[in-house]
Amino acid sequence: MNLPLIGDRLGVAVFYDAGNVFSSIRKISLRASPPLPTIGTAMGGNGQPTTVCLTNCTNELNYFSHTVGFEIRYGTPIGPVALDLGYQLNPAQFVFPTTVNGNPGVALSRLPAFQFFINLGTTF
């Protein structure tokens, strides 16, 4: 939804966006989140406990991502310039390698929910 603020140069937009880039056509899904990885503990090479990923360790983010946001747009003679602030409703969670007590291990992390973008040209 585009709402003009001052004349036809400055405006705001409220948006909702959904989608993703899937790893293959067979993996397209309307799921709201990927299967969560299962993290467990195992004994490392030096006898110290370390973390390991037990299931769903591929980091394939084959799910439908949902984002809502707000945009401020300014019309220039060569096209609009916009600043977007988006909030991802279901940010990606993934497994990454780490070191615990000198043993290689894994940890679980999540992408930030807030995203900031600068756009040149028409988007919404």
PDB file of N, CA and C in Angstrom:
ATOM      1  N   MET A   1       0.840  -1.160   0.000  1.00  0.00           N
ATOM      2  CA  MET A   1       0.000   0.000   0.000  1.00  0.00           C
ATOM      3  C   MET A   1       0.893   1.233   0.000  1.00  0.00           C
ATOM      4  N   ASN A   2       0.771   2.099  -0.981  1.00  0.00           N
ATOM      5  CA  ASN A   2       1.595   3.293  -1.115  1.00  0.00           C
ATOM      6  C   ASN A   2       0.774   4.511  -0.713  1.00  0.00           C
ATOM      7  N   LEU A   3       1.277   5.297   0.233  1.00  0.00           N
ATOM      8  CA  LEU A   3       0.581   6.482   0.712  1.00  0.00           C
ATOM      9  C   LEU A   3       1.466   7.705   0.509  1.00  0.00           C
ATOM     10  N   PRO A   4       1.046   8.694  -0.294  1.00  0.00           N
ATOM     11  CA  PRO A   4       1.860   9.905  -0.466  1.00  0.00           C
ATOM     12  C   PRO A   4       1.852  10.751   0.806  1.00  0.00           C
ATOM     13  N   LEU A   5       3.016  11.323   1.157  1.00  0.00           N
ATOM     14  CA  LEU A   5       3.116  12.181   2.339  1.00  0.00           C
ATOM     15  C   LEU A   5       3.107  13.656   1.954  1.00  0.00           C
ATOM     16  N   ILE A   6       4.031  14.044   1.090  1.00  0.00           N
ATOM     17  CA  ILE A   6       4.159  15.439   0.673  1.00  0.00           C
ATOM     18  C   ILE A   6       4.158  15.455  -0.847  1.00  0.00           C
ATOM     19  N   GLY A   7       3.080  15.922  -1.439  1.00  0.00           N
ATOM     20  CA  GLY A   7       2.988  15.946  -2.894  1.00  0.00           C
ATOM     21  C   GLY A   7       3.140  14.554  -3.461  1.00  0.00           C
ATOM     22  N   ASP A   8       3.850  14.456  -4.574  1.00  0.00           N
ATOM     23  CA  ASP A   8       4.064  13.133  -5.171  1.00  0.00           C
ATOM     24  C   ASP A   8       5.516  12.675  -5.067  1.00  0.00           C
ATOM     25  N   ARG A   9       6.338  13.391  -4.304  1.00  0.00           N
ATOM     26  CA  ARG A   9       7.764  13.025  -4.171  1.00  0.00           C
ATOM     27  C   ARG A   9       8.048  12.113  -2.983  1.00  0.00           C
ATOM     28  N   LEU A  10       7.440  12.367  -1.843  1.00  0.00           N
ATOM     29  CA  LEU A  10       7.725  11.607  -0.620  1.00  0.00           C
ATOM     30  C   LEU A  10       6.512  10.758  -0.269  1.00  0.00           C
ATOM     31  N   GLY A  11       6.743   9.493  -0.010  1.00  0.00           N
ATOM     32  CA  GLY A  11       5.643   8.604   0.331  1.00  0.00           C
ATOM     33  C   GLY A  11       6.102   7.488   1.245  1.00  0.00           C
ATOM     34  N   VAL A  12       5.152   6.773   1.783  1.00  0.00           N
ATOM     35  CA  VAL A  12       5.428   5.622   2.631  1.00  0.00           C
ATOM     36  C   VAL A  12       4.663   4.431   2.079  1.00  0.00           C
ATOM     37  N   ALA A  13       5.144   3.273   2.402  1.00  0.00           N
ATOM     38  CA  ALA A  13       4.458   2.040   2.009  1.00  0.00           C
ATOM     39  C   ALA A  13       4.554   1.055   3.165  1.00  0.00           C
ATOM     40  N   VAL A  14       3.515   0.291   3.340  1.00  0.00           N
ATOM     41  CA  VAL A  14       3.494  -0.814   4.282  1.00  0.00           C
ATOM     42  C   VAL A  14       3.430  -2.070   3.434  1.00  0.00           C
ATOM     43  N   PHE A  15       4.255  -3.079   3.759  1.00  0.00           N
ATOM     44  CA  PHE A  15       4.277  -4.258   2.885  1.00  0.00           C
ATOM     45  C   PHE A  15       4.308  -5.562   3.670  1.00  0.00           C
ATOM     46  N   TYR A  16       3.893  -6.600   2.971  1.00  0.00           N
ATOM     47  CA  TYR A  16       4.005  -7.989   3.417  1.00  0.00           C
ATOM     48  C   TYR A  16       4.631  -8.746   2.253  1.00  0.00           C
ATOM     49  N   ASP A  17       5.623  -9.557   2.532  1.00  0.00           N
ATOM     50  CA  ASP A  17       6.319 -10.304   1.495  1.00  0.00           C
ATOM     51  C   ASP A  17       6.481 -11.745   1.954  1.00  0.00           C
ATOM     52  N   ALA A  18       6.325 -12.674   1.038  1.00  0.00           N
ATOM     53  CA  ALA A  18       6.506 -14.092   1.366  1.00  0.00           C
ATOM     54  C   ALA A  18       7.188 -14.782   0.204  1.00  0.00           C
ATOM     55  N   GLY A  19       8.001 -15.780   0.508  1.00  0.00           N
ATOM     56  CA  GLY A  19       8.671 -16.554  -0.526  1.00  0.00           C
ATOM     57  C   GLY A  19      10.021 -17.039  -0.051  1.00  0.00           C
ATOM     58  N   ASN A  20      10.792 -17.584  -0.979  1.00  0.00           N
ATOM     59  CA  ASN A  20      12.123 -18.074  -0.675  1.00  0.00           C
ATOM     60  C   ASN A  20      12.778 -18.513  -1.972  1.00  0.00           C
ATOM     61  N   VAL A  21      14.055 -18.820  -1.916  1.00  0.00           N
ATOM     62  CA  VAL A  21      14.762 -19.452  -3.021  1.00  0.00           C
ATOM     63  C   VAL A  21      15.027 -20.881  -2.558  1.00  0.00           C
ATOM     64  N   PHE A  22      14.389 -21.837  -3.203  1.00  0.00           N
ATOM     65  CA  PHE A  22      14.462 -23.233  -2.771  1.00  0.00           C
ATOM     66  C   PHE A  22      15.622 -23.945  -3.457  1.00  0.00           C
ATOM     67  N   SER A  23      16.163 -24.969  -2.804  1.00  0.00           N
ATOM     68  CA  SER A  23      17.336 -25.672  -3.327  1.00  0.00           C
ATOM     69  C   SER A  23      17.015 -26.524  -4.551  1.00  0.00           C
ATOM     70  N   SER A  24      15.772 -26.956  -4.713  1.00  0.00           N
ATOM     71  CA  SER A  24      15.351 -27.679  -5.913  1.00  0.00           C
ATOM     72  C   SER A  24      13.841 -27.569  -6.038  1.00  0.00           C
ATOM     73  N   ILE A  25      13.339 -27.827  -7.211  1.00  0.00           N
ATOM     74  CA  ILE A  25      11.900 -27.711  -7.451  1.00  0.00           C
ATOM     75  C   ILE A  25      11.114 -28.724  -6.625  1.00  0.00           C
ATOM     76  N   ARG A  26      11.708 -29.875  -6.332  1.00  0.00           N
ATOM     77  CA  ARG A  26      11.027 -30.896  -5.526  1.00  0.00           C
ATOM     78  C   ARG A  26      10.910 -30.506  -4.054  1.00  0.00           C
ATOM     79  N   LYS A  27      11.694 -29.515  -3.615  1.00  0.00           N
ATOM     80  CA  LYS A  27      11.679 -29.130  -2.203  1.00  0.00           C
ATOM     81  C   LYS A  27      10.828 -27.896  -1.936  1.00  0.00           C
ATOM     82  N   ILE A  28      10.111 -27.389  -2.942  1.00  0.00           N
ATOM     83  CA  ILE A  28       9.227 -26.251  -2.715  1.00  0.00           C
ATOM     84  C   ILE A  28       8.128 -26.671  -1.756  1.00  0.00           C
ATOM     85  N   SER A  29       7.922 -25.860  -0.732  1.00  0.00           N
ATOM     86  CA  SER A  29       6.983 -26.206   0.327  1.00  0.00           C
ATOM     87  C   SER A  29       6.333 -24.940   0.866  1.00  0.00           C
ATOM     88  N   LEU A  30       5.166 -25.069   1.422  1.00  0.00           N
ATOM     89  CA  LEU A  30       4.495 -23.955   2.081  1.00  0.00           C
ATOM     90  C   LEU A  30       4.707 -23.985   3.598  1.00  0.00           C
ATOM     91  N   ARG A  31       5.655 -24.790   4.063  1.00  0.00           N
ATOM     92  CA  ARG A  31       5.962 -24.850   5.491  1.00  0.00           C
ATOM     93  C   ARG A  31       6.312 -23.463   6.014  1.00  0.00           C
ATOM     94  N   ALA A  32       6.014 -23.188   7.261  1.00  0.00           N
ATOM     95  CA  ALA A  32       6.351 -21.905   7.872  1.00  0.00           C
ATOM     96  C   ALA A  32       7.766 -21.898   8.458  1.00  0.00           C
ATOM     97  N   SER A  33       8.385 -23.072   8.603  1.00  0.00           N
ATOM     98  CA  SER A  33       9.756 -23.138   9.109  1.00  0.00           C
ATOM     99  C   SER A  33      10.365 -24.474   8.688  1.00  0.00           C
ATOM    100  N   PRO A  34      11.697 -24.521   8.578  1.00  0.00           N
ATOM    101  CA  PRO A  34      12.335 -25.796   8.253  1.00  0.00           C
ATOM    102  C   PRO A  34      12.330 -26.697   9.480  1.00  0.00           C
ATOM    103  N   PRO A  35      12.568 -28.015   9.294  1.00  0.00           N
ATOM    104  CA  PRO A  35      12.701 -28.889  10.465  1.00  0.00           C
ATOM    105  C   PRO A  35      13.869 -28.407  11.330  1.00  0.00           C
ATOM    106  N   LEU A  36      13.646 -28.297  12.617  1.00  0.00           N
ATOM    107  CA  LEU A  36      14.699 -27.802  13.506  1.00  0.00           C
ATOM    108  C   LEU A  36      15.792 -28.847  13.681  1.00  0.00           C
ATOM    109  N   PRO A  37      17.043 -28.400  13.691  1.00  0.00           N
ATOM    110  CA  PRO A  37      18.140 -29.334  13.963  1.00  0.00           C
ATOM    111  C   PRO A  37      18.079 -29.810  15.412  1.00  0.00           C
ATOM    112  N   THR A  38      18.556 -31.023  15.644  1.00  0.00           N
ATOM    113  CA  THR A  38      18.661 -31.567  16.993  1.00  0.00           C
ATOM    114  C   THR A  38      20.135 -31.541  17.377  1.00  0.00           C
ATOM    115  N   ILE A  39      20.435 -30.873  18.467  1.00  0.00           N
ATOM    116  CA  ILE A  39      21.820 -30.750  18.944  1.00  0.00           C
ATOM    117  C   ILE A  39      21.966 -31.666  20.157  1.00  0.00           C
ATOM    118  N   GLY A  40      23.050 -32.450  20.172  1.00  0.00           N
ATOM    119  CA  GLY A  40      23.315 -33.357  21.280  1.00  0.00           C
ATOM    120  C   GLY A  40      24.748 -33.222  21.746  1.00  0.00           C
ATOM    121  N   THR A  41      25.131 -34.062  22.683  1.00  0.00           N
ATOM    122  CA  THR A  41      26.488 -34.047  23.241  1.00  0.00           C
ATOM    123  C   THR A  41      27.156 -35.384  22.959  1.00  0.00           C
ATOM    124  N   ALA A  42      28.424 -35.331  22.599  1.00  0.00           N
ATOM    125  CA  ALA A  42      29.234 -36.538  22.388  1.00  0.00           C
ATOM    126  C   ALA A  42      30.606 -36.286  23.000  1.00  0.00           C
ATOM    127  N   MET A  43      31.361 -37.344  23.178  1.00  0.00           N
ATOM    128  CA  MET A  43      32.718 -37.207  23.715  1.00  0.00           C
ATOM    129  C   MET A  43      33.666 -36.856  22.588  1.00  0.00           C
ATOM    130  N   GLY A  44      34.464 -35.795  22.782  1.00  0.00           N
ATOM    131  CA  GLY A  44      35.436 -35.369  21.787  1.00  0.00           C
ATOM    132  C   GLY A  44      36.684 -36.222  21.825  1.00  0.00           C
ATOM    133  N   GLY A  45      37.639 -35.896  20.959  1.00  0.00           N
ATOM    134  CA  GLY A  45      38.882 -36.652  20.846  1.00  0.00           C
ATOM    135  C   GLY A  45      39.722 -36.634  22.107  1.00  0.00           C
ATOM    136  N   ASN A  46      39.600 -35.571  22.910  1.00  0.00           N
ATOM    137  CA  ASN A  46      40.395 -35.500  24.136  1.00  0.00           C
ATOM    138  C   ASN A  46      39.594 -35.913  25.375  1.00  0.00           C
ATOM    139  N   GLY A  47      38.461 -36.588  25.187  1.00  0.00           N
ATOM    140  CA  GLY A  47      37.664 -37.069  26.300  1.00  0.00           C
ATOM    141  C   GLY A  47      36.730 -36.031  26.893  1.00  0.00           C
ATOM    142  N   GLN A  48      36.735 -34.826  26.357  1.00  0.00           N
ATOM    143  CA  GLN A  48      35.846 -33.767  26.838  1.00  0.00           C
ATOM    144  C   GLN A  48      34.544 -33.796  26.034  1.00  0.00           C
ATOM    145  N   PRO A  49      33.409 -33.470  26.653  1.00  0.00           N
ATOM    146  CA  PRO A  49      32.151 -33.444  25.902  1.00  0.00           C
ATOM    147  C   PRO A  49      32.139 -32.306  24.888  1.00  0.00           C
ATOM    148  N   THR A  50      31.527 -32.543  23.756  1.00  0.00           N
ATOM    149  CA  THR A  50      31.384 -31.541  22.710  1.00  0.00           C
ATOM    150  C   THR A  50      29.989 -31.649  22.105  1.00  0.00           C
ATOM    151  N   THR A  51      29.561 -30.610  21.418  1.00  0.00           N
ATOM    152  CA  THR A  51      28.230 -30.617  20.821  1.00  0.00           C
ATOM    153  C   THR A  51      28.293 -31.144  19.394  1.00  0.00           C
ATOM    154  N   VAL A  52      27.266 -31.885  19.019  1.00  0.00           N
ATOM    155  CA  VAL A  52      27.162 -32.419  17.656  1.00  0.00           C
ATOM    156  C   VAL A  52      25.726 -32.229  17.171  1.00  0.00           C
ATOM    157  N   CYS A  53      25.579 -32.130  15.860  1.00  0.00           N
ATOM    158  CA  CYS A  53      24.250 -32.066  15.267  1.00  0.00           C
ATOM    159  C   CYS A  53      23.820 -33.502  14.970  1.00  0.00           C
ATOM    160  N   LEU A  54      22.626 -33.871  15.461  1.00  0.00           N
ATOM    161  CA  LEU A  54      22.150 -35.244  15.316  1.00  0.00           C
ATOM    162  C   LEU A  54      21.200 -35.422  14.127  1.00  0.00           C
ATOM    163  N   THR A  55      20.280 -34.474  13.936  1.00  0.00           N
ATOM    164  CA  THR A  55      19.317 -34.580  12.827  1.00  0.00           C
ATOM    165  C   THR A  55      19.089 -33.201  12.211  1.00  0.00           C
ATOM    166  N   ASN A  56      18.663 -33.184  10.939  1.00  0.00           N
ATOM    167  CA  ASN A  56      18.349 -31.949  10.204  1.00  0.00           C
ATOM    168  C   ASN A  56      19.523 -30.977  10.197  1.00  0.00           C
ATOM    169  N   CYS A  57      20.688 -31.472   9.804  1.00  0.00           N
ATOM    170  CA  CYS A  57      21.929 -30.705   9.875  1.00  0.00           C
ATOM    171  C   CYS A  57      22.334 -30.079   8.540  1.00  0.00           C
ATOM    172  N   THR A  58      21.489 -30.085   7.544  1.00  0.00           N
ATOM    173  CA  THR A  58      21.896 -29.650   6.201  1.00  0.00           C
ATOM    174  C   THR A  58      21.844 -28.151   5.996  1.00  0.00           C
ATOM    175  N   ASN A  59      21.175 -27.396   6.856  1.00  0.00           N
ATOM    176  CA  ASN A  59      20.981 -25.952   6.702  1.00  0.00           C
ATOM    177  C   ASN A  59      20.243 -25.594   5.418  1.00  0.00           C
ATOM    178  N   GLU A  60      19.484 -26.517   4.868  1.00  0.00           N
ATOM    179  CA  GLU A  60      18.645 -26.186   3.722  1.00  0.00           C
ATOM    180  C   GLU A  60      17.413 -25.470   4.251  1.00  0.00           C
ATOM    181  N   LEU A  61      17.262 -24.238   3.863  1.00  0.00           N
ATOM    182  CA  LEU A  61      16.174 -23.417   4.383  1.00  0.00           C
ATOM    183  C   LEU A  61      14.990 -23.469   3.435  1.00  0.00           C
ATOM    184  N   ASN A  62      14.464 -24.665   3.210  1.00  0.00           N
ATOM    185  CA  ASN A  62      13.352 -24.877   2.292  1.00  0.00           C
ATOM    186  C   ASN A  62      12.022 -24.678   3.013  1.00  0.00           C
ATOM    187  N   TYR A  63      11.685 -23.426   3.232  1.00  0.00           N
ATOM    188  CA  TYR A  63      10.420 -23.075   3.869  1.00  0.00           C
ATOM    189  C   TYR A  63       9.988 -21.712   3.345  1.00  0.00           C
ATOM    190  N   PHE A  64       8.750 -21.340   3.590  1.00  0.00           N
ATOM    191  CA  PHE A  64       8.201 -20.071   3.128  1.00  0.00           C
ATOM    192  C   PHE A  64       8.496 -18.999   4.171  1.00  0.00           C
ATOM    193  N   SER A  65       9.296 -18.024   3.810  1.00  0.00           N
ATOM    194  CA  SER A  65       9.667 -16.934   4.700  1.00  0.00           C
ATOM    195  C   SER A  65       8.619 -15.824   4.616  1.00  0.00           C
ATOM    196  N   HIS A  66       8.250 -15.238   5.768  1.00  0.00           N
ATOM    197  CA  HIS A  66       7.234 -14.187   5.828  1.00  0.00           C
ATOM    198  C   HIS A  66       7.826 -12.930   6.463  1.00  0.00           C
ATOM    199  N   THR A  67       7.644 -11.781   5.791  1.00  0.00           N
ATOM    200  CA  THR A  67       8.185 -10.519   6.277  1.00  0.00           C
ATOM    201  C   THR A  67       7.137  -9.420   6.161  1.00  0.00           C
ATOM    202  N   VAL A  68       7.052  -8.568   7.171  1.00  0.00           N
ATOM    203  CA  VAL A  68       6.233  -7.361   7.122  1.00  0.00           C
ATOM    204  C   VAL A  68       7.174  -6.177   7.290  1.00  0.00           C
ATOM    205  N   GLY A  69       6.784  -5.032   6.746  1.00  0.00           N
ATOM    206  CA  GLY A  69       7.692  -3.908   6.860  1.00  0.00           C
ATOM    207  C   GLY A  69       7.089  -2.579   6.493  1.00  0.00           C
ATOM    208  N   PHE A  70       7.960  -1.590   6.534  1.00  0.00           N
ATOM    209  CA  PHE A  70       7.613  -0.195   6.333  1.00  0.00           C
ATOM    210  C   PHE A  70       8.660   0.402   5.404  1.00  0.00           C
ATOM    211  N   GLU A  71       8.230   1.210   4.454  1.00  0.00           N
ATOM    212  CA  GLU A  71       9.155   1.815   3.490  1.00  0.00           C
ATOM    213  C   GLU A  71       8.900   3.316   3.408  1.00  0.00           C
ATOM    214  N   ILE A  72       9.976   4.094   3.358  1.00  0.00           N
ATOM    215  CA  ILE A  72       9.902   5.527   3.053  1.00  0.00           C
ATOM    216  C   ILE A  72      10.539   5.700   1.688  1.00  0.00           C
ATOM    217  N   ARG A  73       9.813   6.334   0.774  1.00  0.00           N
ATOM    218  CA  ARG A  73      10.246   6.463  -0.619  1.00  0.00           C
ATOM    219  C   ARG A  73      10.288   7.934  -1.016  1.00  0.00           C
ATOM    220  N   TYR A  74      11.380   8.303  -1.720  1.00  0.00           N
ATOM    221  CA  TYR A  74      11.518   9.669  -2.235  1.00  0.00           C
ATOM    222  C   TYR A  74      11.752   9.598  -3.739  1.00  0.00           C
ATOM    223  N   GLY A  75      10.923  10.324  -4.493  1.00  0.00           N
ATOM    224  CA  GLY A  75      11.045  10.331  -5.951  1.00  0.00           C
ATOM    225  C   GLY A  75      12.099  11.314  -6.419  1.00  0.00           C
ATOM    226  N   THR A  76      13.090  10.839  -7.149  1.00  0.00           N
ATOM    227  CA  THR A  76      14.119  11.694  -7.743  1.00  0.00           C
ATOM    228  C   THR A  76      13.888  11.734  -9.249  1.00  0.00           C
ATOM    229  N   PRO A  77      14.543  12.643  -9.966  1.00  0.00           N
ATOM    230  CA  PRO A  77      14.367  12.695 -11.421  1.00  0.00           C
ATOM    231  C   PRO A  77      14.791  11.409 -12.145  1.00  0.00           C
ATOM    232  N   ILE A  78      15.663  10.613 -11.542  1.00  0.00           N
ATOM    233  CA  ILE A  78      16.087   9.372 -12.220  1.00  0.00           C
ATOM    234  C   ILE A  78      15.399   8.127 -11.664  1.00  0.00           C
ATOM    235  N   GLY A  79      14.498   8.285 -10.716  1.00  0.00           N
ATOM    236  CA  GLY A  79      13.763   7.157 -10.146  1.00  0.00           C
ATOM    237  C   GLY A  79      13.695   7.254  -8.635  1.00  0.00           C
ATOM    238  N   PRO A  80      12.837   6.446  -8.014  1.00  0.00           N
ATOM    239  CA  PRO A  80      12.674   6.528  -6.555  1.00  0.00           C
ATOM    240  C   PRO A  80      13.855   5.923  -5.788  1.00  0.00           C
ATOM    241  N   VAL A  81      14.113   6.494  -4.620  1.00  0.00           N
ATOM    242  CA  VAL A  81      15.073   5.964  -3.651  1.00  0.00           C
ATOM    243  C   VAL A  81      14.256   5.622  -2.418  1.00  0.00           C
ATOM    244  N   ALA A  82      14.435   4.437  -1.882  1.00  0.00           N
ATOM    245  CA  ALA A  82      13.606   3.998  -0.755  1.00  0.00           C
ATOM    246  C   ALA A  82      14.464   3.407   0.355  1.00  0.00           C
ATOM    247  N   LEU A  83      14.007   3.584   1.579  1.00  0.00           N
ATOM    248  CA  LEU A  83      14.592   2.962   2.763  1.00  0.00           C
ATOM    249  C   LEU A  83      13.542   2.027   3.333  1.00  0.00           C
ATOM    250  N   ASP A  84      13.881   0.758   3.464  1.00  0.00           N
ATOM    251  CA  ASP A  84      12.955  -0.257   3.969  1.00  0.00           C
ATOM    252  C   ASP A  84      13.421  -0.764   5.323  1.00  0.00           C
ATOM    253  N   LEU A  85      12.480  -0.960   6.223  1.00  0.00           N
ATOM    254  CA  LEU A  85      12.728  -1.658   7.483  1.00  0.00           C
ATOM    255  C   LEU A  85      11.753  -2.818   7.514  1.00  0.00           C
ATOM    256  N   GLY A  86      12.283  -4.033   7.466  1.00  0.00           N
ATOM    257  CA  GLY A  86      11.457  -5.228   7.458  1.00  0.00           C
ATOM    258  C   GLY A  86      11.664  -6.048   8.715  1.00  0.00           C
ATOM    259  N   TYR A  87      10.621  -6.757   9.112  1.00  0.00           N
ATOM    260  CA  TYR A  87      10.692  -7.656  10.254  1.00  0.00           C
ATOM    261  C   TYR A  87      10.279  -9.043   9.789  1.00  0.00           C
ATOM    262  N   GLN A  88      11.222  -9.979   9.825  1.00  0.00           N
ATOM    263  CA  GLN A  88      10.931 -11.333   9.389  1.00  0.00           C
ATOM    264  C   GLN A  88      10.199 -12.068  10.506  1.00  0.00           C
ATOM    265  N   LEU A  89       9.022 -12.582  10.179  1.00  0.00           N
ATOM    266  CA  LEU A  89       8.184 -13.250  11.178  1.00  0.00           C
ATOM    267  C   LEU A  89       8.730 -14.616  11.574  1.00  0.00           C
ATOM    268  N   ASN A  90       9.463 -15.269  10.679  1.00  0.00           N
ATOM    269  CA  ASN A  90      10.031 -16.590  10.973  1.00  0.00           C
ATOM    270  C   ASN A  90      11.480 -16.648  10.481  1.00  0.00           C
ATOM    271  N   PRO A  91      12.413 -15.962  11.194  1.00  0.00           N
ATOM    272  CA  PRO A  91      13.805 -15.929  10.742  1.00  0.00           C
ATOM    273  C   PRO A  91      14.444 -17.317  10.716  1.00  0.00           C
ATOM    274  N   ALA A  92      15.355 -17.494   9.773  1.00  0.00           N
ATOM    275  CA  ALA A  92      16.021 -18.780   9.585  1.00  0.00           C
ATOM    276  C   ALA A  92      16.874 -19.143  10.791  1.00  0.00           C
ATOM    277  N   GLN A  93      16.845 -20.429  11.130  1.00  0.00           N
ATOM    278  CA  GLN A  93      17.683 -20.978  12.189  1.00  0.00           C
ATOM    279  C   GLN A  93      18.606 -21.997  11.530  1.00  0.00           C
ATOM    280  N   PHE A  94      19.901 -21.963  11.862  1.00  0.00           N
ATOM    281  CA  PHE A  94      20.838 -22.836  11.181  1.00  0.00           C
ATOM    282  C   PHE A  94      21.941 -23.306  12.118  1.00  0.00           C
ATOM    283  N   VAL A  95      22.635 -24.352  11.690  1.00  0.00           N
ATOM    284  CA  VAL A  95      23.732 -24.956  12.438  1.00  0.00           C
ATOM    285  C   VAL A  95      25.046 -24.414  11.882  1.00  0.00           C
ATOM    286  N   PHE A  96      25.978 -24.049  12.764  1.00  0.00           N
ATOM    287  CA  PHE A  96      27.298 -23.621  12.302  1.00  0.00           C
ATOM    288  C   PHE A  96      28.378 -24.250  13.174  1.00  0.00           C
ATOM    289  N   PRO A  97      29.570 -24.450  12.587  1.00  0.00           N
ATOM    290  CA  PRO A  97      30.657 -25.080  13.353  1.00  0.00           C
ATOM    291  C   PRO A  97      31.242 -24.119  14.382  1.00  0.00           C
ATOM    292  N   THR A  98      31.689 -24.684  15.497  1.00  0.00           N
ATOM    293  CA  THR A  98      32.319 -23.902  16.559  1.00  0.00           C
ATOM    294  C   THR A  98      33.329 -24.797  17.275  1.00  0.00           C
ATOM    295  N   THR A  99      34.064 -24.244  18.198  1.00  0.00           N
ATOM    296  CA  THR A  99      35.007 -25.020  18.997  1.00  0.00           C
ATOM    297  C   THR A  99      34.622 -24.897  20.465  1.00  0.00           C
ATOM    298  N   VAL A 100      34.488 -26.036  21.134  1.00  0.00           N
ATOM    299  CA  VAL A 100      34.129 -26.065  22.556  1.00  0.00           C
ATOM    300  C   VAL A 100      35.192 -26.874  23.282  1.00  0.00           C
ATOM    301  N   ASN A 101      35.853 -26.278  24.250  1.00  0.00           N
ATOM    302  CA  ASN A 101      36.917 -26.947  25.025  1.00  0.00           C
ATOM    303  C   ASN A 101      37.973 -27.563  24.111  1.00  0.00           C
ATOM    304  N   GLY A 102      38.300 -26.901  23.024  1.00  0.00           N
ATOM    305  CA  GLY A 102      39.305 -27.413  22.093  1.00  0.00           C
ATOM    306  C   GLY A 102      38.790 -28.464  21.129  1.00  0.00           C
ATOM    307  N   ASN A 103      37.539 -28.882  21.275  1.00  0.00           N
ATOM    308  CA  ASN A 103      36.947 -29.870  20.366  1.00  0.00           C
ATOM    309  C   ASN A 103      36.057 -29.172  19.343  1.00  0.00           C
ATOM    310  N   PRO A 104      36.100 -29.628  18.102  1.00  0.00           N
ATOM    311  CA  PRO A 104      35.153 -29.060  17.143  1.00  0.00           C
ATOM    312  C   PRO A 104      33.738 -29.457  17.533  1.00  0.00           C
ATOM    313  N   GLY A 105      32.827 -28.533  17.389  1.00  0.00           N
ATOM    314  CA  GLY A 105      31.437 -28.798  17.725  1.00  0.00           C
ATOM    315  C   GLY A 105      30.525 -27.986  16.832  1.00  0.00           C
ATOM    316  N   VAL A 106      29.277 -27.919  17.201  1.00  0.00           N
ATOM    317  CA  VAL A 106      28.308 -27.138  16.450  1.00  0.00           C
ATOM    318  C   VAL A 106      27.478 -26.302  17.422  1.00  0.00           C
ATOM    319  N   ALA A 107      26.891 -25.245  16.896  1.00  0.00           N
ATOM    320  CA  ALA A 107      25.986 -24.401  17.671  1.00  0.00           C
ATOM    321  C   ALA A 107      24.817 -24.027  16.771  1.00  0.00           C
ATOM    322  N   LEU A 108      23.755 -23.588  17.384  1.00  0.00           N
ATOM    323  CA  LEU A 108      22.553 -23.193  16.676  1.00  0.00           C
ATOM    324  C   LEU A 108      22.443 -21.678  16.719  1.00  0.00           C
ATOM    325  N   SER A 109      22.142 -21.064  15.589  1.00  0.00           N
ATOM    326  CA  SER A 109      22.012 -19.616  15.525  1.00  0.00           C
ATOM    327  C   SER A 109      20.791 -19.247  14.704  1.00  0.00           C
ATOM    328  N   ARG A 110      20.370 -18.001  14.800  1.00  0.00           N
ATOM    329  CA  ARG A 110      19.204 -17.502  14.073  1.00  0.00           C
ATOM    330  C   ARG A 110      19.590 -16.181  13.407  1.00  0.00           C
ATOM    331  N   LEU A 111      19.116 -15.974  12.181  1.00  0.00           N
ATOM    332  CA  LEU A 111      19.342 -14.700  11.509  1.00  0.00           C
ATOM    333  C   LEU A 111      18.567 -13.605  12.228  1.00  0.00           C
ATOM    334  N   PRO A 112      19.035 -12.353  12.153  1.00  0.00           N
ATOM    335  CA  PRO A 112      18.290 -11.268  12.801  1.00  0.00           C
ATOM    336  C   PRO A 112      16.905 -11.111  12.185  1.00  0.00           C
ATOM    337  N   ALA A 113      15.917 -10.799  13.008  1.00  0.00           N
ATOM    338  CA  ALA A 113      14.551 -10.618  12.512  1.00  0.00           C
ATOM    339  C   ALA A 113      14.395  -9.283  11.795  1.00  0.00           C
ATOM    340  N   PHE A 114      15.088  -8.236  12.258  1.00  0.00           N
ATOM    341  CA  PHE A 114      15.001  -6.930  11.611  1.00  0.00           C
ATOM    342  C   PHE A 114      16.021  -6.833  10.480  1.00  0.00           C
ATOM    343  N   GLN A 115      15.582  -6.327   9.343  1.00  0.00           N
ATOM    344  CA  GLN A 115      16.449  -6.130   8.178  1.00  0.00           C
ATOM    345  C   GLN A 115      16.243  -4.707   7.670  1.00  0.00           C
ATOM    346  N   PHE A 116      17.316  -4.084   7.195  1.00  0.00           N
ATOM    347  CA  PHE A 116      17.279  -2.722   6.684  1.00  0.00           C
ATOM    348  C   PHE A 116      17.828  -2.747   5.261  1.00  0.00           C
ATOM    349  N   PHE A 117      17.119  -2.110   4.326  1.00  0.00           N
ATOM    350  CA  PHE A 117      17.534  -2.109   2.924  1.00  0.00           C
ATOM    351  C   PHE A 117      17.427  -0.714   2.339  1.00  0.00           C
ATOM    352  N   ILE A 118      18.305  -0.401   1.403  1.00  0.00           N
ATOM    353  CA  ILE A 118      18.235   0.815   0.586  1.00  0.00           C
ATOM    354  C   ILE A 118      17.956   0.348  -0.832  1.00  0.00           C
ATOM    355  N   ASN A 119      16.912   0.874  -1.432  1.00  0.00           N
ATOM    356  CA  ASN A 119      16.507   0.468  -2.780  1.00  0.00           C
ATOM    357  C   ASN A 119      16.583   1.623  -3.750  1.00  0.00           C
ATOM    358  N   LEU A 120      17.030   1.343  -4.951  1.00  0.00           N
ATOM    359  CA  LEU A 120      16.998   2.287  -6.056  1.00  0.00           C
ATOM    360  C   LEU A 120      16.057   1.728  -7.098  1.00  0.00           C
ATOM    361  N   GLY A 121      15.005   2.450  -7.409  1.00  0.00           N
ATOM    362  CA  GLY A 121      14.018   1.966  -8.376  1.00  0.00           C
ATOM    363  C   GLY A 121      12.765   1.514  -7.666  1.00  0.00           C
ATOM    364  N   THR A 122      11.747   1.191  -8.444  1.00  0.00           N
ATOM    365  CA  THR A 122      10.446   0.795  -7.890  1.00  0.00           C
ATOM    366  C   THR A 122      10.479  -0.643  -7.396  1.00  0.00           C
ATOM    367  N   THR A 123       9.970  -0.869  -6.181  1.00  0.00           N
ATOM    368  CA  THR A 123       9.901  -2.223  -5.642  1.00  0.00           C
ATOM    369  C   THR A 123       8.458  -2.641  -5.382  1.00  0.00           C
ATOM    370  N   PHE A 124       7.700  -1.830  -4.677  1.00  0.00           N
ATOM    371  CA  PHE A 124       6.309  -2.174  -4.351  1.00  0.00           C
ATOM    372  C   PHE A 124       5.392  -1.174  -5.009  1.00  0.00           C
TER     373      PHE A 124
END
